[in-house]
Amino acid sequence: MNAHYSDESVAKLRTAIHRIEAQVTSVPPAAALSDAISELIGILDLGPEPDTRACPRCHGVIMREASRCVHCWSTFEALPRLHKAVAQ
């Protein structure tokens, strides 16, 4: 299944997953719960978190490579993409 989520939904899902992971690591879960969480994360297939930054003018959240703010429409120099290590 390849579901498509809105940016807002993906952000909410990531926040929920981070909260669940924080709780699970504070009290080691049963193997079945740990497996179920891993399976859920795999099914959601959210991909990597996007590289974002604050707009230099209005401080709204924008993509790192953006050259125009989606909030205030200011233009500025785009920053290069960050190369993240791929987990294996």
N, C-alpha and C. Protein backbone atom coordinates (compact mmCIF):
# COMPACT_ATOMS: atom_id res chain seq x y z
N MET A 1 0.84 -1.19 0.00
CA MET A 1 0.00 0.00 0.00
C MET A 1 0.88 1.24 0.00
N ASN A 2 0.62 2.14 -0.91
CA ASN A 2 1.39 3.37 -0.99
C ASN A 2 0.43 4.54 -0.77
N ALA A 3 0.24 4.91 0.48
CA ALA A 3 -0.69 5.99 0.81
C ALA A 3 0.00 7.33 0.64
N HIS A 4 -0.78 8.34 0.33
CA HIS A 4 -0.25 9.69 0.21
C HIS A 4 -0.91 10.53 1.30
N TYR A 5 -0.07 11.20 2.09
CA TYR A 5 -0.55 12.00 3.20
C TYR A 5 -0.25 13.47 2.92
N SER A 6 -1.06 14.36 3.45
CA SER A 6 -0.77 15.79 3.34
C SER A 6 0.45 16.09 4.20
N ASP A 7 1.11 17.20 3.94
CA ASP A 7 2.28 17.60 4.74
C ASP A 7 1.90 17.73 6.21
N GLU A 8 0.71 18.27 6.48
CA GLU A 8 0.26 18.44 7.85
C GLU A 8 0.06 17.08 8.53
N SER A 9 -0.52 16.12 7.80
CA SER A 9 -0.73 14.78 8.35
C SER A 9 0.59 14.08 8.62
N VAL A 10 1.54 14.23 7.72
CA VAL A 10 2.86 13.61 7.91
C VAL A 10 3.53 14.20 9.14
N ALA A 11 3.45 15.51 9.31
CA ALA A 11 4.05 16.14 10.49
C ALA A 11 3.41 15.62 11.77
N LYS A 12 2.08 15.48 11.77
CA LYS A 12 1.38 14.95 12.94
C LYS A 12 1.76 13.50 13.22
N LEU A 13 1.87 12.70 12.16
CA LEU A 13 2.27 11.30 12.32
C LEU A 13 3.68 11.20 12.89
N ARG A 14 4.61 12.01 12.37
CA ARG A 14 5.98 11.99 12.88
C ARG A 14 6.02 12.37 14.36
N THR A 15 5.25 13.39 14.74
CA THR A 15 5.20 13.81 16.14
C THR A 15 4.67 12.68 17.01
N ALA A 16 3.61 12.03 16.57
CA ALA A 16 3.04 10.92 17.34
C ALA A 16 4.04 9.78 17.46
N ILE A 17 4.73 9.45 16.38
CA ILE A 17 5.72 8.37 16.41
C ILE A 17 6.85 8.70 17.37
N HIS A 18 7.33 9.96 17.35
CA HIS A 18 8.40 10.36 18.28
C HIS A 18 7.93 10.24 19.73
N ARG A 19 6.68 10.62 20.00
CA ARG A 19 6.15 10.50 21.36
C ARG A 19 6.05 9.04 21.78
N ILE A 20 5.59 8.18 20.89
CA ILE A 20 5.48 6.75 21.20
C ILE A 20 6.86 6.17 21.44
N GLU A 21 7.82 6.50 20.57
CA GLU A 21 9.18 5.97 20.73
C GLU A 21 9.80 6.41 22.05
N ALA A 22 9.54 7.66 22.47
CA ALA A 22 10.07 8.15 23.74
C ALA A 22 9.51 7.35 24.91
N GLN A 23 8.21 7.03 24.87
CA GLN A 23 7.60 6.25 25.93
C GLN A 23 8.10 4.81 25.93
N VAL A 24 8.25 4.24 24.75
CA VAL A 24 8.70 2.86 24.62
C VAL A 24 10.13 2.71 25.12
N THR A 25 10.99 3.69 24.85
CA THR A 25 12.38 3.57 25.29
C THR A 25 12.52 3.83 26.79
N SER A 26 11.54 4.53 27.40
CA SER A 26 11.63 4.77 28.84
C SER A 26 11.27 3.51 29.63
N VAL A 27 10.41 2.68 29.08
CA VAL A 27 10.03 1.41 29.69
C VAL A 27 10.12 0.36 28.60
N PRO A 28 11.13 -0.49 28.63
CA PRO A 28 11.26 -1.47 27.54
C PRO A 28 9.97 -2.26 27.34
N PRO A 29 9.45 -2.27 26.11
CA PRO A 29 8.19 -2.96 25.82
C PRO A 29 8.39 -4.46 25.61
N ALA A 30 7.29 -5.16 25.62
CA ALA A 30 7.31 -6.57 25.25
C ALA A 30 7.72 -6.65 23.78
N ALA A 31 8.31 -7.74 23.40
CA ALA A 31 8.78 -7.91 22.02
C ALA A 31 7.65 -7.72 21.01
N ALA A 32 6.45 -8.19 21.35
CA ALA A 32 5.31 -8.08 20.43
C ALA A 32 4.95 -6.62 20.18
N LEU A 33 4.98 -5.78 21.22
CA LEU A 33 4.67 -4.36 21.05
C LEU A 33 5.75 -3.68 20.22
N SER A 34 6.98 -3.99 20.50
CA SER A 34 8.09 -3.42 19.73
C SER A 34 7.98 -3.80 18.26
N ASP A 35 7.65 -5.05 17.99
CA ASP A 35 7.47 -5.52 16.61
C ASP A 35 6.30 -4.81 15.94
N ALA A 36 5.20 -4.62 16.67
CA ALA A 36 4.02 -3.96 16.12
C ALA A 36 4.32 -2.50 15.77
N ILE A 37 5.06 -1.82 16.62
CA ILE A 37 5.43 -0.42 16.35
C ILE A 37 6.31 -0.35 15.12
N SER A 38 7.28 -1.24 15.02
CA SER A 38 8.15 -1.27 13.85
C SER A 38 7.36 -1.53 12.57
N GLU A 39 6.40 -2.44 12.65
CA GLU A 39 5.56 -2.74 11.50
C GLU A 39 4.72 -1.52 11.09
N LEU A 40 4.16 -0.84 12.08
CA LEU A 40 3.36 0.36 11.80
C LEU A 40 4.20 1.44 11.12
N ILE A 41 5.39 1.67 11.60
CA ILE A 41 6.28 2.67 11.00
C ILE A 41 6.60 2.28 9.56
N GLY A 42 6.81 0.99 9.31
CA GLY A 42 7.06 0.52 7.95
C GLY A 42 5.86 0.71 7.04
N ILE A 43 4.67 0.45 7.55
CA ILE A 43 3.45 0.61 6.76
C ILE A 43 3.21 2.08 6.42
N LEU A 44 3.44 2.96 7.39
CA LEU A 44 3.22 4.39 7.14
C LEU A 44 4.17 4.93 6.07
N ASP A 45 5.38 4.39 6.00
CA ASP A 45 6.35 4.75 4.96
C ASP A 45 6.41 6.27 4.76
N LEU A 46 6.71 7.00 5.83
CA LEU A 46 6.74 8.46 5.77
C LEU A 46 8.00 9.01 5.10
N GLY A 47 9.01 8.18 4.96
CA GLY A 47 10.25 8.66 4.37
C GLY A 47 11.01 9.54 5.35
N PRO A 48 12.12 10.09 4.90
CA PRO A 48 12.92 10.92 5.80
C PRO A 48 12.25 12.26 6.07
N GLU A 49 12.55 12.84 7.23
CA GLU A 49 12.02 14.16 7.53
C GLU A 49 12.66 15.17 6.58
N PRO A 50 11.88 16.14 6.10
CA PRO A 50 12.44 17.13 5.18
C PRO A 50 13.39 18.08 5.91
N ASP A 51 14.36 18.58 5.17
CA ASP A 51 15.28 19.58 5.72
C ASP A 51 14.58 20.93 5.66
N THR A 52 14.38 21.53 6.82
CA THR A 52 13.70 22.82 6.87
C THR A 52 14.59 23.84 7.58
N ARG A 53 14.18 25.10 7.49
CA ARG A 53 14.86 26.18 8.19
C ARG A 53 13.84 27.29 8.41
N ALA A 54 14.24 28.29 9.18
CA ALA A 54 13.37 29.44 9.41
C ALA A 54 13.63 30.49 8.34
N CYS A 55 12.57 31.11 7.85
CA CYS A 55 12.69 32.22 6.90
C CYS A 55 13.50 33.33 7.57
N PRO A 56 14.49 33.89 6.87
CA PRO A 56 15.30 34.97 7.47
C PRO A 56 14.47 36.21 7.81
N ARG A 57 13.33 36.38 7.16
CA ARG A 57 12.53 37.60 7.39
C ARG A 57 11.41 37.38 8.41
N CYS A 58 10.52 36.40 8.15
CA CYS A 58 9.34 36.23 9.01
C CYS A 58 9.49 35.06 10.00
N HIS A 59 10.53 34.27 9.82
CA HIS A 59 10.83 33.11 10.69
C HIS A 59 9.84 31.96 10.55
N GLY A 60 9.04 31.96 9.48
CA GLY A 60 8.17 30.83 9.19
C GLY A 60 9.01 29.63 8.75
N VAL A 61 8.47 28.44 8.90
CA VAL A 61 9.20 27.22 8.52
C VAL A 61 9.10 27.03 7.01
N ILE A 62 10.28 26.88 6.37
CA ILE A 62 10.36 26.69 4.92
C ILE A 62 11.34 25.56 4.62
N MET A 63 11.31 25.07 3.40
CA MET A 63 12.27 24.04 2.98
C MET A 63 13.66 24.64 2.93
N ARG A 64 14.67 23.86 3.26
CA ARG A 64 16.05 24.34 3.28
C ARG A 64 16.46 24.89 1.93
N GLU A 65 16.08 24.25 0.82
CA GLU A 65 16.50 24.67 -0.51
C GLU A 65 15.67 25.81 -1.09
N ALA A 66 14.67 26.29 -0.33
CA ALA A 66 13.77 27.33 -0.85
C ALA A 66 14.52 28.63 -1.10
N SER A 67 14.10 29.34 -2.15
CA SER A 67 14.65 30.66 -2.42
C SER A 67 13.56 31.73 -2.26
N ARG A 68 12.35 31.29 -1.90
CA ARG A 68 11.23 32.20 -1.63
C ARG A 68 10.42 31.61 -0.49
N CYS A 69 10.02 32.48 0.44
CA CYS A 69 9.22 32.04 1.59
C CYS A 69 7.77 31.88 1.17
N VAL A 70 7.15 30.78 1.58
CA VAL A 70 5.74 30.55 1.27
C VAL A 70 4.82 31.37 2.17
N HIS A 71 5.36 31.97 3.21
CA HIS A 71 4.55 32.75 4.15
C HIS A 71 4.55 34.24 3.80
N CYS A 72 5.76 34.82 3.60
CA CYS A 72 5.85 36.27 3.38
C CYS A 72 6.32 36.62 1.96
N TRP A 73 6.64 35.62 1.17
CA TRP A 73 7.09 35.76 -0.22
C TRP A 73 8.43 36.48 -0.38
N SER A 74 9.20 36.60 0.68
CA SER A 74 10.54 37.19 0.57
C SER A 74 11.41 36.27 -0.28
N THR A 75 12.35 36.85 -1.01
CA THR A 75 13.31 36.04 -1.76
C THR A 75 14.67 36.15 -1.09
N PHE A 76 15.45 35.10 -1.20
CA PHE A 76 16.76 35.03 -0.59
C PHE A 76 17.53 33.90 -1.25
N GLU A 77 18.79 33.76 -0.89
CA GLU A 77 19.62 32.72 -1.47
C GLU A 77 19.24 31.35 -0.90
N ALA A 78 19.09 30.38 -1.78
CA ALA A 78 18.78 29.02 -1.35
C ALA A 78 20.02 28.39 -0.72
N LEU A 79 19.83 27.57 0.29
CA LEU A 79 20.93 26.85 0.91
C LEU A 79 21.08 25.50 0.22
N PRO A 80 22.30 24.97 0.15
CA PRO A 80 22.47 23.65 -0.49
C PRO A 80 21.80 22.56 0.32
N ARG A 81 21.43 21.50 -0.37
CA ARG A 81 20.80 20.33 0.27
C ARG A 81 21.81 19.65 1.19
N LEU A 82 21.33 19.22 2.34
CA LEU A 82 22.18 18.45 3.26
C LEU A 82 22.19 17.00 2.81
N HIS A 83 23.33 16.37 2.85
CA HIS A 83 23.44 14.96 2.50
C HIS A 83 23.43 14.16 3.80
N LYS A 84 22.37 13.39 4.01
CA LYS A 84 22.24 12.59 5.21
C LYS A 84 22.75 11.19 4.96
N ALA A 85 23.37 10.61 5.99
CA ALA A 85 23.82 9.23 5.87
C ALA A 85 22.61 8.31 5.80
N VAL A 86 22.67 7.31 4.97
CA VAL A 86 21.59 6.35 4.83
C VAL A 86 21.83 5.21 5.79
N ALA A 87 20.83 4.90 6.63
CA ALA A 87 20.94 3.80 7.59
C ALA A 87 20.83 2.48 6.86
N GLN A 88 21.69 1.55 7.24
CA GLN A 88 21.65 0.22 6.61
C GLN A 88 21.45 -0.86 7.61
